[in-house]
PDB file of N, CA and C in Angstrom:
ATOM      1  N   MET A   1      97.380  89.898  57.394  1.00  0.00           N
ATOM      2  CA  MET A   1      97.847  89.157  58.539  1.00  0.00           C
ATOM      3  C   MET A   1      96.710  89.938  59.880  1.00  0.00           C
ATOM      4  N   PRO A   2      95.894  89.213  60.344  1.00  0.00           N
ATOM      5  CA  PRO A   2      95.266  90.106  61.654  1.00  0.00           C
ATOM      6  C   PRO A   2      95.992  90.477  62.797  1.00  0.00           C
ATOM      7  N   LYS A   3      95.655  91.920  63.468  1.00  0.00           N
ATOM      8  CA  LYS A   3      96.419  92.085  64.476  1.00  0.00           C
ATOM      9  C   LYS A   3      96.533  90.791  65.444  1.00  0.00           C
ATOM     10  N   MET A   4      97.383  90.936  66.632  1.00  0.00           N
ATOM     11  CA  MET A   4      97.265  90.069  67.395  1.00  0.00           C
ATOM     12  C   MET A   4      96.496  90.699  68.720  1.00  0.00           C
ATOM     13  N   LYS A   5      96.003  89.613  69.296  1.00  0.00           N
ATOM     14  CA  LYS A   5      95.356  90.280  70.629  1.00  0.00           C
ATOM     15  C   LYS A   5      96.039  90.039  71.476  1.00  0.00           C
ATOM     16  N   THR A   6      96.200  91.182  72.765  1.00  0.00           N
ATOM     17  CA  THR A   6      96.742  91.078  74.027  1.00  0.00           C
ATOM     18  C   THR A   6      95.960  90.799  74.970  1.00  0.00           C
ATOM     19  N   ARG A   7      96.768  89.812  75.732  1.00  0.00           N
ATOM     20  CA  ARG A   7      95.760  89.004  76.844  1.00  0.00           C
ATOM     21  C   ARG A   7      95.554  90.413  77.998  1.00  0.00           C
ATOM     22  N   LYS A   8      94.121  90.262  78.340  1.00  0.00           N
ATOM     23  CA  LYS A   8      93.703  91.494  79.162  1.00  0.00           C
ATOM     24  C   LYS A   8      94.196  91.358  80.436  1.00  0.00           C
ATOM     25  N   SER A   9      94.256  90.118  80.884  1.00  0.00           N
ATOM     26  CA  SER A   9      94.647  89.352  82.191  1.00  0.00           C
ATOM     27  C   SER A   9      96.001  90.021  82.550  1.00  0.00           C
ATOM     28  N   ALA A  10      97.046  89.736  81.380  1.00  0.00           N
ATOM     29  CA  ALA A  10      98.243  90.011  81.850  1.00  0.00           C
ATOM     30  C   ALA A  10      98.545  91.697  81.419  1.00  0.00           C
ATOM     31  N   ALA A  11      97.642  92.281  80.651  1.00  0.00           N
ATOM     32  CA  ALA A  11      97.982  93.883  80.565  1.00  0.00           C
ATOM     33  C   ALA A  11      97.483  94.501  81.963  1.00  0.00           C
ATOM     34  N   LYS A  12      96.701  93.826  82.881  1.00  0.00           N
ATOM     35  CA  LYS A  12      96.328  94.627  83.839  1.00  0.00           C
ATOM     36  C   LYS A  12      97.172  94.288  85.203  1.00  0.00           C
ATOM     37  N   ARG A  13      98.258  93.243  85.085  1.00  0.00           N
ATOM     38  CA  ARG A  13      98.952  92.568  86.239  1.00  0.00           C
ATOM     39  C   ARG A  13     100.562  93.241  86.117  1.00  0.00           C
ATOM     40  N   TYR A  14     100.682  93.475  84.470  1.00  0.00           N
ATOM     41  CA  TYR A  14     102.130  93.547  84.381  1.00  0.00           C
ATOM     42  C   TYR A  14     102.413  95.097  83.517  1.00  0.00           C
ATOM     43  N   LYS A  15     103.713  95.856  83.769  1.00  0.00           N
ATOM     44  CA  LYS A  15     103.816  97.223  83.249  1.00  0.00           C
ATOM     45  C   LYS A  15     104.973  97.097  82.643  1.00  0.00           C
ATOM     46  N   VAL A  16     105.463  97.439  81.471  1.00  0.00           N
ATOM     47  CA  VAL A  16     106.689  97.333  80.579  1.00  0.00           C
ATOM     48  C   VAL A  16     107.084  98.956  80.896  1.00  0.00           C
ATOM     49  N   THR A  17     108.573  99.015  81.646  1.00  0.00           N
ATOM     50  CA  THR A  17     109.120 100.266  81.633  1.00  0.00           C
ATOM     51  C   THR A  17     109.940 100.651  80.066  1.00  0.00           C
ATOM     52  N   ALA A  18     110.442 101.969  80.002  1.00  0.00           N
ATOM     53  CA  ALA A  18     110.943 102.368  78.565  1.00  0.00           C
ATOM     54  C   ALA A  18     112.165 101.641  78.543  1.00  0.00           C
ATOM     55  N   THR A  19     112.543 100.905  79.324  1.00  0.00           N
ATOM     56  CA  THR A  19     114.257 100.063  78.937  1.00  0.00           C
ATOM     57  C   THR A  19     113.428  98.706  78.782  1.00  0.00           C
ATOM     58  N   GLY A  20     112.473  98.024  78.741  1.00  0.00           N
ATOM     59  CA  GLY A  20     112.186  96.677  78.576  1.00  0.00           C
ATOM     60  C   GLY A  20     111.769  95.842  79.951  1.00  0.00           C
ATOM     61  N   LYS A  21     112.117  96.574  80.927  1.00  0.00           N
ATOM     62  CA  LYS A  21     111.766  95.816  82.442  1.00  0.00           C
ATOM     63  C   LYS A  21     110.631  95.536  82.293  1.00  0.00           C
ATOM     64  N   VAL A  22     109.957  94.306  83.159  1.00  0.00           N
ATOM     65  CA  VAL A  22     108.455  94.418  83.447  1.00  0.00           C
ATOM     66  C   VAL A  22     108.218  94.378  84.937  1.00  0.00           C
ATOM     67  N   LEU A  23     107.584  95.150  85.128  1.00  0.00           N
ATOM     68  CA  LEU A  23     107.004  95.273  86.717  1.00  0.00           C
ATOM     69  C   LEU A  23     105.909  94.803  86.997  1.00  0.00           C
ATOM     70  N   TYR A  24     105.694  94.240  88.347  1.00  0.00           N
ATOM     71  CA  TYR A  24     104.407  93.734  88.877  1.00  0.00           C
ATOM     72  C   TYR A  24     104.502  94.158  90.186  1.00  0.00           C
ATOM     73  N   LYS A  25     103.045  93.978  90.498  1.00  0.00           N
ATOM     74  CA  LYS A  25     103.007  93.947  92.007  1.00  0.00           C
ATOM     75  C   LYS A  25     103.054  92.583  92.790  1.00  0.00           C
ATOM     76  N   LYS A  26     103.729  92.945  93.903  1.00  0.00           N
ATOM     77  CA  LYS A  26     103.972  91.530  94.827  1.00  0.00           C
ATOM     78  C   LYS A  26     102.924  91.257  95.590  1.00  0.00           C
ATOM     79  N   GLN A  27     102.602  89.523  95.569  1.00  0.00           N
ATOM     80  CA  GLN A  27     101.702  88.884  95.919  1.00  0.00           C
ATOM     81  C   GLN A  27     101.827  89.006  97.681  1.00  0.00           C
ATOM     82  N   GLY A  28     100.644  88.699  98.556  1.00  0.00           N
ATOM     83  CA  GLY A  28     100.778  88.541  99.973  1.00  0.00           C
ATOM     84  C   GLY A  28     100.541  89.381 100.907  1.00  0.00           C
ATOM     85  N   LEU A  29      99.779  90.738 100.385  1.00  0.00           N
ATOM     86  CA  LEU A  29      99.345  91.856 100.969  1.00  0.00           C
ATOM     87  C   LEU A  29      97.941  92.114 101.279  1.00  0.00           C
ATOM     88  N   ARG A  30      97.288  91.124 100.887  1.00  0.00           N
ATOM     89  CA  ARG A  30      95.482  91.238 100.897  1.00  0.00           C
ATOM     90  C   ARG A  30      95.230  91.055 102.143  1.00  0.00           C
ATOM     91  N   HIS A  31      95.488  89.573 102.842  1.00  0.00           N
ATOM     92  CA  HIS A  31      94.885  89.172 104.044  1.00  0.00           C
ATOM     93  C   HIS A  31      96.151  88.564 104.751  1.00  0.00           C
ATOM     94  N   ILE A  32      95.521  88.049 106.305  1.00  0.00           N
ATOM     95  CA  ILE A  32      96.264  87.485 106.769  1.00  0.00           C
ATOM     96  C   ILE A  32      97.586  88.326 107.259  1.00  0.00           C
ATOM     97  N   LEU A  33      97.604  89.522 107.580  1.00  0.00           N
ATOM     98  CA  LEU A  33      98.505  90.503 107.875  1.00  0.00           C
ATOM     99  C   LEU A  33      99.161  90.506 109.317  1.00  0.00           C
ATOM    100  N   THR A  34      98.410  89.978 110.306  1.00  0.00           N
ATOM    101  CA  THR A  34      98.757  90.084 111.710  1.00  0.00           C
ATOM    102  C   THR A  34     100.209  89.509 111.944  1.00  0.00           C
ATOM    103  N   LYS A  35     100.366  88.061 111.326  1.00  0.00           N
ATOM    104  CA  LYS A  35     101.546  87.398 111.829  1.00  0.00           C
ATOM    105  C   LYS A  35     102.756  87.917 110.846  1.00  0.00           C
ATOM    106  N   LYS A  36     102.450  89.020 109.824  1.00  0.00           N
ATOM    107  CA  LYS A  36     103.623  89.106 108.987  1.00  0.00           C
ATOM    108  C   LYS A  36     104.212  90.475 109.796  1.00  0.00           C
ATOM    109  N   SER A  37     105.583  90.499 109.617  1.00  0.00           N
ATOM    110  CA  SER A  37     106.192  91.444 110.162  1.00  0.00           C
ATOM    111  C   SER A  37     106.539  92.814 109.325  1.00  0.00           C
ATOM    112  N   ALA A  38     106.449  93.969 109.831  1.00  0.00           N
ATOM    113  CA  ALA A  38     106.350  95.050 109.722  1.00  0.00           C
ATOM    114  C   ALA A  38     107.255  95.437 108.342  1.00  0.00           C
ATOM    115  N   LYS A  39     108.386  94.666 108.489  1.00  0.00           N
ATOM    116  CA  LYS A  39     109.538  94.786 107.161  1.00  0.00           C
ATOM    117  C   LYS A  39     109.174  94.226 106.141  1.00  0.00           C
ATOM    118  N   ARG A  40     108.429  93.026 106.436  1.00  0.00           N
ATOM    119  CA  ARG A  40     107.957  92.108 105.188  1.00  0.00           C
ATOM    120  C   ARG A  40     106.744  92.643 104.698  1.00  0.00           C
ATOM    121  N   LYS A  41     106.068  93.313 104.890  1.00  0.00           N
ATOM    122  CA  LYS A  41     104.754  93.947 104.442  1.00  0.00           C
ATOM    123  C   LYS A  41     105.253  95.358 103.860  1.00  0.00           C
ATOM    124  N   ARG A  42     106.384  95.931 104.634  1.00  0.00           N
ATOM    125  CA  ARG A  42     106.860  97.021 103.565  1.00  0.00           C
ATOM    126  C   ARG A  42     107.557  96.791 102.414  1.00  0.00           C
ATOM    127  N   ASN A  43     108.265  95.697 102.231  1.00  0.00           N
ATOM    128  CA  ASN A  43     108.714  95.123 101.081  1.00  0.00           C
ATOM    129  C   ASN A  43     107.879  94.783 100.001  1.00  0.00           C
ATOM    130  N   LEU A  44     106.823  94.167 100.905  1.00  0.00           N
ATOM    131  CA  LEU A  44     105.564  93.626  99.588  1.00  0.00           C
ATOM    132  C   LEU A  44     105.033  94.730  99.051  1.00  0.00           C
ATOM    133  N   ARG A  45     105.419  96.057  99.427  1.00  0.00           N
ATOM    134  CA  ARG A  45     104.632  97.051  98.763  1.00  0.00           C
ATOM    135  C   ARG A  45     105.430  97.428  97.792  1.00  0.00           C
ATOM    136  N   LYS A  46     106.577  97.310  97.737  1.00  0.00           N
ATOM    137  CA  LYS A  46     107.517  97.892  96.612  1.00  0.00           C
ATOM    138  C   LYS A  46     107.270  96.825  95.014  1.00  0.00           C
ATOM    139  N   THR A  47     107.300  97.583  94.301  1.00  0.00           N
ATOM    140  CA  THR A  47     107.095  96.879  92.852  1.00  0.00           C
ATOM    141  C   THR A  47     108.251  95.890  92.573  1.00  0.00           C
ATOM    142  N   GLY A  48     107.923  94.836  92.354  1.00  0.00           N
ATOM    143  CA  GLY A  48     109.031  93.593  91.900  1.00  0.00           C
ATOM    144  C   GLY A  48     109.142  93.968  90.426  1.00  0.00           C
ATOM    145  N   VAL A  49     110.478  93.353  90.059  1.00  0.00           N
ATOM    146  CA  VAL A  49     110.888  93.278  88.273  1.00  0.00           C
ATOM    147  C   VAL A  49     111.039  91.911  88.199  1.00  0.00           C
ATOM    148  N   LEU A  50     110.438  91.565  86.593  1.00  0.00           N
ATOM    149  CA  LEU A  50     110.520  90.321  86.499  1.00  0.00           C
ATOM    150  C   LEU A  50     111.775  89.838  86.033  1.00  0.00           C
ATOM    151  N   SER A  51     112.433  88.425  86.001  1.00  0.00           N
ATOM    152  CA  SER A  51     113.780  87.821  85.472  1.00  0.00           C
ATOM    153  C   SER A  51     113.700  87.875  84.073  1.00  0.00           C
ATOM    154  N   ASP A  52     114.821  87.874  83.360  1.00  0.00           N
ATOM    155  CA  ASP A  52     114.830  87.637  81.741  1.00  0.00           C
ATOM    156  C   ASP A  52     114.023  86.649  81.379  1.00  0.00           C
ATOM    157  N   ALA A  53     113.760  85.370  82.143  1.00  0.00           N
ATOM    158  CA  ALA A  53     113.274  84.415  81.679  1.00  0.00           C
ATOM    159  C   ALA A  53     111.846  84.410  81.499  1.00  0.00           C
ATOM    160  N   GLU A  54     111.114  85.170  82.557  1.00  0.00           N
ATOM    161  CA  GLU A  54     110.092  85.347  82.730  1.00  0.00           C
ATOM    162  C   GLU A  54     109.499  86.438  81.875  1.00  0.00           C
ATOM    163  N   THR A  55     110.121  87.472  81.740  1.00  0.00           N
ATOM    164  CA  THR A  55     110.049  88.440  80.712  1.00  0.00           C
ATOM    165  C   THR A  55     109.427  88.011  79.334  1.00  0.00           C
ATOM    166  N   LYS A  56     110.489  86.800  78.960  1.00  0.00           N
ATOM    167  CA  LYS A  56     110.090  86.229  77.332  1.00  0.00           C
ATOM    168  C   LYS A  56     108.737  85.519  77.483  1.00  0.00           C
ATOM    169  N   ILE A  57     108.194  85.233  78.511  1.00  0.00           N
ATOM    170  CA  ILE A  57     106.825  84.589  78.531  1.00  0.00           C
ATOM    171  C   ILE A  57     105.903  85.866  78.705  1.00  0.00           C
ATOM    172  N   VAL A  58     106.256  86.659  79.328  1.00  0.00           N
ATOM    173  CA  VAL A  58     105.081  87.994  79.171  1.00  0.00           C
ATOM    174  C   VAL A  58     105.252  88.645  78.109  1.00  0.00           C
ATOM    175  N   LYS A  59     106.375  88.711  77.350  1.00  0.00           N
ATOM    176  CA  LYS A  59     106.373  89.188  76.109  1.00  0.00           C
ATOM    177  C   LYS A  59     105.562  88.492  74.791  1.00  0.00           C
ATOM    178  N   VAL A  60     105.086  87.362  75.177  1.00  0.00           N
ATOM    179  CA  VAL A  60     104.063  86.912  74.180  1.00  0.00           C
ATOM    180  C   VAL A  60     102.818  87.207  74.560  1.00  0.00           C
ATOM    181  N   LEU A  61     102.517  87.380  75.828  1.00  0.00           N
ATOM    182  CA  LEU A  61     100.959  87.712  76.159  1.00  0.00           C
ATOM    183  C   LEU A  61     100.880  89.268  75.766  1.00  0.00           C
ATOM    184  N   LEU A  62     101.827  90.246  75.749  1.00  0.00           N
ATOM    185  CA  LEU A  62     101.875  91.497  75.472  1.00  0.00           C
ATOM    186  C   LEU A  62     102.587  91.859  74.260  1.00  0.00           C
ATOM    187  N   PRO A  63     101.909  91.467  72.851  1.00  0.00           N
ATOM    188  CA  PRO A  63     102.647  91.865  72.101  1.00  0.00           C
ATOM    189  C   PRO A  63     102.903  93.432  71.448  1.00  0.00           C
ATOM    190  N   TYR A  64     102.269  94.280  71.728  1.00  0.00           N
ATOM    191  CA  TYR A  64     102.326  95.557  71.322  1.00  0.00           C
ATOM    192  C   TYR A  64     103.048  96.394  72.958  1.00  0.00           C
ATOM    193  N   GLU A  65     103.505  96.042  73.457  1.00  0.00           N
ATOM    194  CA  GLU A  65     103.908  96.582  74.802  1.00  0.00           C
ATOM    195  C   GLU A  65     105.604  96.812  74.485  1.00  0.00           C
ATOM    196  N   PHE A  66     106.137  95.857  73.822  1.00  0.00           N
ATOM    197  CA  PHE A  66     107.701  95.770  73.642  1.00  0.00           C
ATOM    198  C   PHE A  66     108.162  96.531  72.448  1.00  0.00           C
TER     199      PHE A  66
END
């Protein structure tokens, strides 16, 4: 059986922690920043954690990360 290929687009967007959680960078911090509050922009800088249902989807895209 040949090796499975990693979806490179997903590999660039997601990072898997040692406990199996999937981290991602939140969207909305690229442009049109003047109308967003400082609190909102500060919270967008933090990394997000995917839910369990979405983690199952990413697990298919990154076969060797889990």
